[in-house]
């Protein structure tokens, strides 16, 4: 790799870590009080919350990645009772963005599932 690539990789890793920290914090802030309200232990409520969020991200990554090669031609036609007029093929950058978004969603989902398994009192990792 050339020297110009390393700053880009570090910037991408920093953005991804920020995304993971935000999703993890939001999951903890929602699942912890809800789990305690329902009578679950702290680690169990965190684990179940991480499982649910991880599965949601995996499903989102699956559905984003399986979009077809065509898009609605006139997206303004989706508002109200008007119908879209047709379809258009996906451009190269648009298709690349779809693949990248799908990959990010799947990676975040796998991280959340792994974090949930790590804090779940019902599982033994070692």
N, C-alpha and C. Protein backbone atom coordinates (compact mmCIF):
# COMPACT_ATOMS: atom_id res chain seq x y z
N UNK A 1 0.84 -1.18 0.00
CA UNK A 1 0.00 0.00 0.00
C UNK A 1 0.88 1.24 0.00
N UNK A 2 0.40 2.23 -0.66
CA UNK A 2 1.16 3.47 -0.69
C UNK A 2 0.92 4.27 0.58
N UNK A 3 1.77 5.24 0.80
CA UNK A 3 1.68 6.06 2.02
C UNK A 3 0.43 6.93 2.03
N UNK A 4 -0.12 7.23 0.85
CA UNK A 4 -1.31 8.08 0.79
C UNK A 4 -2.58 7.34 1.22
N UNK A 5 -2.53 6.02 1.26
CA UNK A 5 -3.72 5.23 1.60
C UNK A 5 -3.93 5.17 3.11
N UNK A 6 -2.85 5.18 3.89
CA UNK A 6 -2.96 5.02 5.34
C UNK A 6 -3.82 6.07 6.01
N UNK A 7 -3.68 7.36 5.69
CA UNK A 7 -4.59 8.33 6.34
C UNK A 7 -6.06 8.09 6.02
N UNK A 8 -6.33 7.62 4.81
CA UNK A 8 -7.71 7.32 4.45
C UNK A 8 -8.25 6.14 5.25
N UNK A 9 -7.42 5.12 5.44
CA UNK A 9 -7.84 3.96 6.23
C UNK A 9 -8.06 4.33 7.70
N UNK A 10 -7.18 5.17 8.24
CA UNK A 10 -7.37 5.59 9.63
C UNK A 10 -8.62 6.43 9.78
N UNK A 11 -8.90 7.28 8.82
CA UNK A 11 -10.12 8.10 8.88
C UNK A 11 -11.36 7.22 8.79
N UNK A 12 -11.32 6.22 7.91
CA UNK A 12 -12.46 5.30 7.78
C UNK A 12 -12.65 4.49 9.06
N UNK A 13 -11.55 4.03 9.66
CA UNK A 13 -11.64 3.27 10.90
C UNK A 13 -12.20 4.14 12.03
N UNK A 14 -11.81 5.41 12.06
CA UNK A 14 -12.33 6.32 13.08
C UNK A 14 -13.83 6.53 12.91
N UNK A 15 -14.28 6.71 11.66
CA UNK A 15 -15.72 6.90 11.42
C UNK A 15 -16.50 5.64 11.78
N UNK A 16 -15.94 4.47 11.45
CA UNK A 16 -16.63 3.22 11.76
C UNK A 16 -16.69 3.00 13.27
N UNK A 17 -15.62 3.33 13.98
CA UNK A 17 -15.62 3.19 15.44
C UNK A 17 -16.62 4.16 16.07
N UNK A 18 -16.74 5.35 15.51
CA UNK A 18 -17.74 6.31 16.00
C UNK A 18 -19.15 5.78 15.79
N UNK A 19 -19.39 5.17 14.62
CA UNK A 19 -20.69 4.58 14.33
C UNK A 19 -21.00 3.45 15.31
N UNK A 20 -20.03 2.58 15.54
CA UNK A 20 -20.23 1.47 16.49
C UNK A 20 -20.49 1.98 17.90
N UNK A 21 -19.74 2.99 18.31
CA UNK A 21 -19.94 3.54 19.65
C UNK A 21 -21.32 4.18 19.78
N UNK A 22 -21.78 4.87 18.75
CA UNK A 22 -23.10 5.48 18.80
C UNK A 22 -24.22 4.46 18.85
N UNK A 23 -24.11 3.42 18.02
CA UNK A 23 -25.14 2.38 18.01
C UNK A 23 -25.13 1.62 19.34
N UNK A 24 -23.94 1.34 19.86
CA UNK A 24 -23.85 0.63 21.14
C UNK A 24 -24.42 1.48 22.28
N UNK A 25 -24.10 2.76 22.29
CA UNK A 25 -24.60 3.63 23.35
C UNK A 25 -26.12 3.76 23.28
N UNK A 26 -26.66 3.91 22.07
CA UNK A 26 -28.11 4.01 21.93
C UNK A 26 -28.79 2.71 22.37
N UNK A 27 -28.18 1.59 22.03
CA UNK A 27 -28.74 0.30 22.43
C UNK A 27 -28.74 0.15 23.94
N UNK A 28 -27.64 0.54 24.57
CA UNK A 28 -27.55 0.44 26.02
C UNK A 28 -28.56 1.37 26.69
N UNK A 29 -28.67 2.59 26.17
CA UNK A 29 -29.59 3.56 26.78
C UNK A 29 -31.05 3.14 26.67
N UNK A 30 -31.39 2.37 25.66
CA UNK A 30 -32.78 1.93 25.50
C UNK A 30 -33.03 0.59 26.18
N UNK A 31 -32.12 -0.36 25.99
CA UNK A 31 -32.39 -1.72 26.48
C UNK A 31 -32.20 -1.86 27.98
N UNK A 32 -31.28 -1.10 28.56
CA UNK A 32 -31.05 -1.24 29.99
C UNK A 32 -32.26 -0.84 30.83
N UNK A 33 -32.83 0.36 30.66
CA UNK A 33 -34.02 0.69 31.46
C UNK A 33 -35.22 -0.20 31.14
N UNK A 34 -35.38 -0.54 29.86
CA UNK A 34 -36.51 -1.38 29.48
C UNK A 34 -36.39 -2.77 30.09
N UNK A 35 -35.19 -3.34 30.04
CA UNK A 35 -34.98 -4.66 30.63
C UNK A 35 -35.16 -4.66 32.13
N UNK A 36 -34.64 -3.62 32.79
CA UNK A 36 -34.81 -3.54 34.24
C UNK A 36 -36.26 -3.32 34.62
N UNK A 37 -36.98 -2.59 33.79
CA UNK A 37 -38.41 -2.38 34.04
C UNK A 37 -39.18 -3.69 33.93
N UNK A 38 -38.74 -4.57 33.05
CA UNK A 38 -39.41 -5.86 32.87
C UNK A 38 -38.89 -6.93 33.82
N UNK A 39 -37.92 -6.58 34.66
CA UNK A 39 -37.46 -7.52 35.67
C UNK A 39 -36.28 -8.38 35.27
N UNK A 40 -35.59 -8.06 34.21
CA UNK A 40 -34.42 -8.83 33.79
C UNK A 40 -33.17 -8.27 34.46
N UNK A 41 -32.13 -9.07 34.48
CA UNK A 41 -30.87 -8.58 35.03
C UNK A 41 -30.21 -7.62 34.05
N UNK A 42 -29.20 -6.91 34.52
CA UNK A 42 -28.53 -5.90 33.70
C UNK A 42 -27.87 -6.54 32.48
N UNK A 43 -27.10 -7.61 32.71
CA UNK A 43 -26.40 -8.23 31.59
C UNK A 43 -27.35 -8.91 30.62
N UNK A 44 -28.42 -9.47 31.11
CA UNK A 44 -29.40 -10.10 30.22
C UNK A 44 -30.14 -9.07 29.38
N UNK A 45 -30.51 -7.94 29.99
CA UNK A 45 -31.21 -6.90 29.23
C UNK A 45 -30.29 -6.30 28.16
N UNK A 46 -29.02 -6.13 28.49
CA UNK A 46 -28.07 -5.63 27.48
C UNK A 46 -27.90 -6.64 26.35
N UNK A 47 -27.81 -7.92 26.70
CA UNK A 47 -27.62 -8.95 25.68
C UNK A 47 -28.82 -9.03 24.74
N UNK A 48 -30.00 -9.02 25.28
CA UNK A 48 -31.19 -9.10 24.43
C UNK A 48 -31.32 -7.86 23.56
N UNK A 49 -31.02 -6.70 24.11
CA UNK A 49 -31.04 -5.48 23.31
C UNK A 49 -30.04 -5.52 22.17
N UNK A 50 -28.84 -6.02 22.45
CA UNK A 50 -27.82 -6.14 21.40
C UNK A 50 -28.23 -7.17 20.35
N UNK A 51 -28.84 -8.26 20.79
CA UNK A 51 -29.33 -9.26 19.83
C UNK A 51 -30.38 -8.65 18.89
N UNK A 52 -31.31 -7.91 19.46
CA UNK A 52 -32.38 -7.33 18.63
C UNK A 52 -31.82 -6.30 17.65
N UNK A 53 -30.94 -5.43 18.13
CA UNK A 53 -30.37 -4.41 17.25
C UNK A 53 -29.48 -5.06 16.20
N UNK A 54 -28.69 -6.06 16.59
CA UNK A 54 -27.84 -6.75 15.63
C UNK A 54 -28.64 -7.44 14.54
N UNK A 55 -29.73 -8.09 14.92
CA UNK A 55 -30.59 -8.74 13.92
C UNK A 55 -31.24 -7.72 12.99
N UNK A 56 -31.64 -6.57 13.55
CA UNK A 56 -32.24 -5.53 12.72
C UNK A 56 -31.23 -5.00 11.70
N UNK A 57 -29.98 -4.79 12.13
CA UNK A 57 -28.96 -4.32 11.21
C UNK A 57 -28.64 -5.37 10.15
N UNK A 58 -28.60 -6.65 10.53
CA UNK A 58 -28.36 -7.69 9.55
C UNK A 58 -29.48 -7.77 8.52
N UNK A 59 -30.72 -7.66 8.97
CA UNK A 59 -31.84 -7.66 8.03
C UNK A 59 -31.79 -6.44 7.10
N UNK A 60 -31.45 -5.29 7.68
CA UNK A 60 -31.32 -4.10 6.86
C UNK A 60 -30.23 -4.24 5.82
N UNK A 61 -29.10 -4.80 6.21
CA UNK A 61 -28.02 -5.04 5.25
C UNK A 61 -28.42 -6.02 4.16
N UNK A 62 -29.19 -7.03 4.53
CA UNK A 62 -29.65 -8.00 3.54
C UNK A 62 -30.58 -7.33 2.52
N UNK A 63 -31.54 -6.56 3.00
CA UNK A 63 -32.50 -5.96 2.09
C UNK A 63 -31.89 -4.83 1.27
N UNK A 64 -30.97 -4.07 1.84
CA UNK A 64 -30.31 -3.02 1.06
C UNK A 64 -29.44 -3.66 -0.02
N UNK A 65 -28.75 -4.74 0.32
CA UNK A 65 -27.87 -5.40 -0.64
C UNK A 65 -28.61 -6.13 -1.74
N UNK A 66 -29.87 -6.47 -1.52
CA UNK A 66 -30.64 -7.21 -2.53
C UNK A 66 -31.56 -6.33 -3.35
N UNK A 67 -31.32 -5.04 -3.35
CA UNK A 67 -32.11 -4.18 -4.23
C UNK A 67 -31.77 -4.51 -5.67
N UNK A 68 -32.73 -4.41 -6.53
CA UNK A 68 -32.53 -4.78 -7.92
C UNK A 68 -31.71 -3.75 -8.69
N UNK A 69 -31.47 -4.03 -9.97
CA UNK A 69 -30.65 -3.13 -10.78
C UNK A 69 -31.42 -1.94 -11.33
N UNK A 70 -32.66 -1.75 -10.92
CA UNK A 70 -33.47 -0.63 -11.39
C UNK A 70 -34.02 0.16 -10.22
N UNK A 71 -34.21 1.46 -10.45
CA UNK A 71 -34.79 2.34 -9.45
C UNK A 71 -35.96 3.09 -10.07
N UNK A 72 -36.77 3.71 -9.22
CA UNK A 72 -37.88 4.51 -9.71
C UNK A 72 -37.33 5.71 -10.46
N UNK A 73 -37.86 5.98 -11.64
CA UNK A 73 -37.34 7.06 -12.47
C UNK A 73 -37.67 8.43 -11.89
N UNK A 74 -38.88 8.59 -11.39
CA UNK A 74 -39.30 9.88 -10.86
C UNK A 74 -39.74 9.67 -9.41
N UNK A 75 -38.81 9.92 -8.47
CA UNK A 75 -39.12 9.65 -7.07
C UNK A 75 -40.11 10.64 -6.48
N UNK A 76 -40.32 11.76 -7.13
CA UNK A 76 -41.33 12.70 -6.67
C UNK A 76 -42.73 12.13 -6.87
N UNK A 77 -42.87 11.17 -7.75
CA UNK A 77 -44.16 10.56 -8.01
C UNK A 77 -44.64 9.67 -6.88
N UNK A 78 -43.77 9.39 -5.90
CA UNK A 78 -44.17 8.55 -4.79
C UNK A 78 -44.99 9.30 -3.76
N UNK A 79 -45.04 10.61 -3.85
CA UNK A 79 -45.77 11.43 -2.89
C UNK A 79 -47.23 11.50 -3.29
N UNK A 80 -48.11 11.31 -2.32
CA UNK A 80 -49.54 11.43 -2.59
C UNK A 80 -50.08 10.27 -3.42
N UNK A 81 -51.02 10.59 -4.30
CA UNK A 81 -51.68 9.56 -5.10
C UNK A 81 -51.06 9.38 -6.48
N UNK A 82 -50.09 10.21 -6.81
CA UNK A 82 -49.47 10.08 -8.13
C UNK A 82 -48.61 8.83 -8.19
N UNK A 83 -48.55 8.24 -9.35
CA UNK A 83 -47.77 7.02 -9.54
C UNK A 83 -46.44 7.36 -10.22
N UNK A 84 -45.38 6.58 -9.94
CA UNK A 84 -44.13 6.80 -10.65
C UNK A 84 -44.29 6.46 -12.13
N UNK A 85 -43.57 7.15 -12.99
CA UNK A 85 -43.74 7.00 -14.43
C UNK A 85 -42.92 5.87 -15.03
N UNK A 86 -41.93 5.39 -14.34
CA UNK A 86 -41.13 4.32 -14.92
C UNK A 86 -39.93 3.99 -14.05
N UNK A 87 -39.03 3.21 -14.64
CA UNK A 87 -37.82 2.82 -13.92
C UNK A 87 -36.61 3.22 -14.74
N UNK A 88 -35.47 3.29 -14.07
CA UNK A 88 -34.21 3.61 -14.72
C UNK A 88 -33.15 2.65 -14.21
N UNK A 89 -32.13 2.39 -15.00
CA UNK A 89 -31.05 1.52 -14.50
C UNK A 89 -30.22 2.26 -13.46
N UNK A 90 -29.60 1.51 -12.58
CA UNK A 90 -28.78 2.06 -11.52
C UNK A 90 -27.42 2.46 -12.10
N UNK A 91 -26.94 3.65 -11.70
CA UNK A 91 -25.62 4.08 -12.15
C UNK A 91 -24.53 3.35 -11.36
N UNK A 92 -23.32 3.41 -11.84
CA UNK A 92 -22.19 2.75 -11.17
C UNK A 92 -21.96 3.25 -9.75
N UNK A 93 -21.87 4.58 -9.54
CA UNK A 93 -21.68 5.06 -8.17
C UNK A 93 -22.84 4.72 -7.24
N UNK A 94 -24.04 4.70 -7.77
CA UNK A 94 -25.20 4.35 -6.97
C UNK A 94 -25.16 2.88 -6.55
N UNK A 95 -24.73 2.03 -7.44
CA UNK A 95 -24.60 0.61 -7.13
C UNK A 95 -23.48 0.38 -6.12
N UNK A 96 -22.38 1.10 -6.26
CA UNK A 96 -21.27 0.99 -5.31
C UNK A 96 -21.70 1.45 -3.92
N UNK A 97 -22.48 2.52 -3.86
CA UNK A 97 -22.99 3.01 -2.58
C UNK A 97 -23.91 1.98 -1.92
N UNK A 98 -24.71 1.30 -2.72
CA UNK A 98 -25.60 0.27 -2.19
C UNK A 98 -24.80 -0.88 -1.59
N UNK A 99 -23.75 -1.33 -2.29
CA UNK A 99 -22.92 -2.41 -1.76
C UNK A 99 -22.19 -1.99 -0.49
N UNK A 100 -21.68 -0.76 -0.47
CA UNK A 100 -20.97 -0.27 0.71
C UNK A 100 -21.89 -0.15 1.91
N UNK A 101 -23.09 0.37 1.70
CA UNK A 101 -24.05 0.50 2.79
C UNK A 101 -24.44 -0.87 3.33
N UNK A 102 -24.63 -1.82 2.43
CA UNK A 102 -24.97 -3.17 2.85
C UNK A 102 -23.86 -3.77 3.70
N UNK A 103 -22.62 -3.57 3.29
CA UNK A 103 -21.48 -4.09 4.05
C UNK A 103 -21.37 -3.47 5.43
N UNK A 104 -21.58 -2.16 5.52
CA UNK A 104 -21.52 -1.48 6.82
C UNK A 104 -22.62 -1.98 7.73
N UNK A 105 -23.83 -2.12 7.21
CA UNK A 105 -24.94 -2.60 8.04
C UNK A 105 -24.69 -4.02 8.55
N UNK A 106 -24.15 -4.88 7.70
CA UNK A 106 -23.88 -6.26 8.11
C UNK A 106 -22.77 -6.29 9.16
N UNK A 107 -21.72 -5.49 8.98
CA UNK A 107 -20.63 -5.47 9.96
C UNK A 107 -21.10 -4.94 11.32
N UNK A 108 -21.91 -3.90 11.32
CA UNK A 108 -22.44 -3.38 12.58
C UNK A 108 -23.34 -4.43 13.23
N UNK A 109 -24.15 -5.11 12.43
CA UNK A 109 -25.02 -6.17 12.96
C UNK A 109 -24.22 -7.31 13.58
N UNK A 110 -23.16 -7.73 12.91
CA UNK A 110 -22.32 -8.80 13.46
C UNK A 110 -21.62 -8.35 14.74
N UNK A 111 -21.17 -7.11 14.79
CA UNK A 111 -20.55 -6.61 16.01
C UNK A 111 -21.55 -6.61 17.16
N UNK A 112 -22.76 -6.15 16.90
CA UNK A 112 -23.76 -6.10 17.97
C UNK A 112 -24.13 -7.51 18.45
N UNK A 113 -24.21 -8.46 17.54
CA UNK A 113 -24.48 -9.84 17.95
C UNK A 113 -23.33 -10.41 18.78
N UNK A 114 -22.10 -10.11 18.38
CA UNK A 114 -20.94 -10.58 19.14
C UNK A 114 -20.89 -9.93 20.52
N UNK A 115 -21.19 -8.64 20.58
CA UNK A 115 -21.22 -7.95 21.87
C UNK A 115 -22.32 -8.52 22.76
N UNK A 116 -23.47 -8.81 22.17
CA UNK A 116 -24.55 -9.42 22.94
C UNK A 116 -24.17 -10.79 23.47
N UNK A 117 -23.48 -11.58 22.65
CA UNK A 117 -23.05 -12.90 23.11
C UNK A 117 -21.99 -12.79 24.19
N UNK A 118 -21.18 -11.73 24.14
CA UNK A 118 -20.13 -11.56 25.14
C UNK A 118 -20.70 -11.20 26.51
N UNK A 119 -21.80 -10.44 26.54
CA UNK A 119 -22.36 -10.03 27.83
C UNK A 119 -23.52 -10.91 28.27
N UNK A 120 -23.94 -11.85 27.45
CA UNK A 120 -25.08 -12.71 27.81
C UNK A 120 -24.68 -13.70 28.89
N UNK A 121 -25.43 -13.72 29.99
CA UNK A 121 -25.09 -14.66 31.06
C UNK A 121 -25.42 -16.12 30.70
N UNK A 122 -26.22 -16.35 29.69
CA UNK A 122 -26.61 -17.71 29.31
C UNK A 122 -25.64 -18.36 28.34
N UNK A 123 -24.63 -17.64 27.87
CA UNK A 123 -23.68 -18.21 26.92
C UNK A 123 -22.29 -18.27 27.54
N UNK A 124 -21.52 -19.23 27.10
CA UNK A 124 -20.12 -19.35 27.51
C UNK A 124 -19.29 -19.33 26.24
N UNK A 125 -18.45 -18.32 26.10
CA UNK A 125 -17.64 -18.19 24.90
C UNK A 125 -16.38 -19.03 24.95
N UNK A 126 -15.90 -19.32 26.15
CA UNK A 126 -14.65 -20.09 26.26
C UNK A 126 -14.91 -21.41 26.95
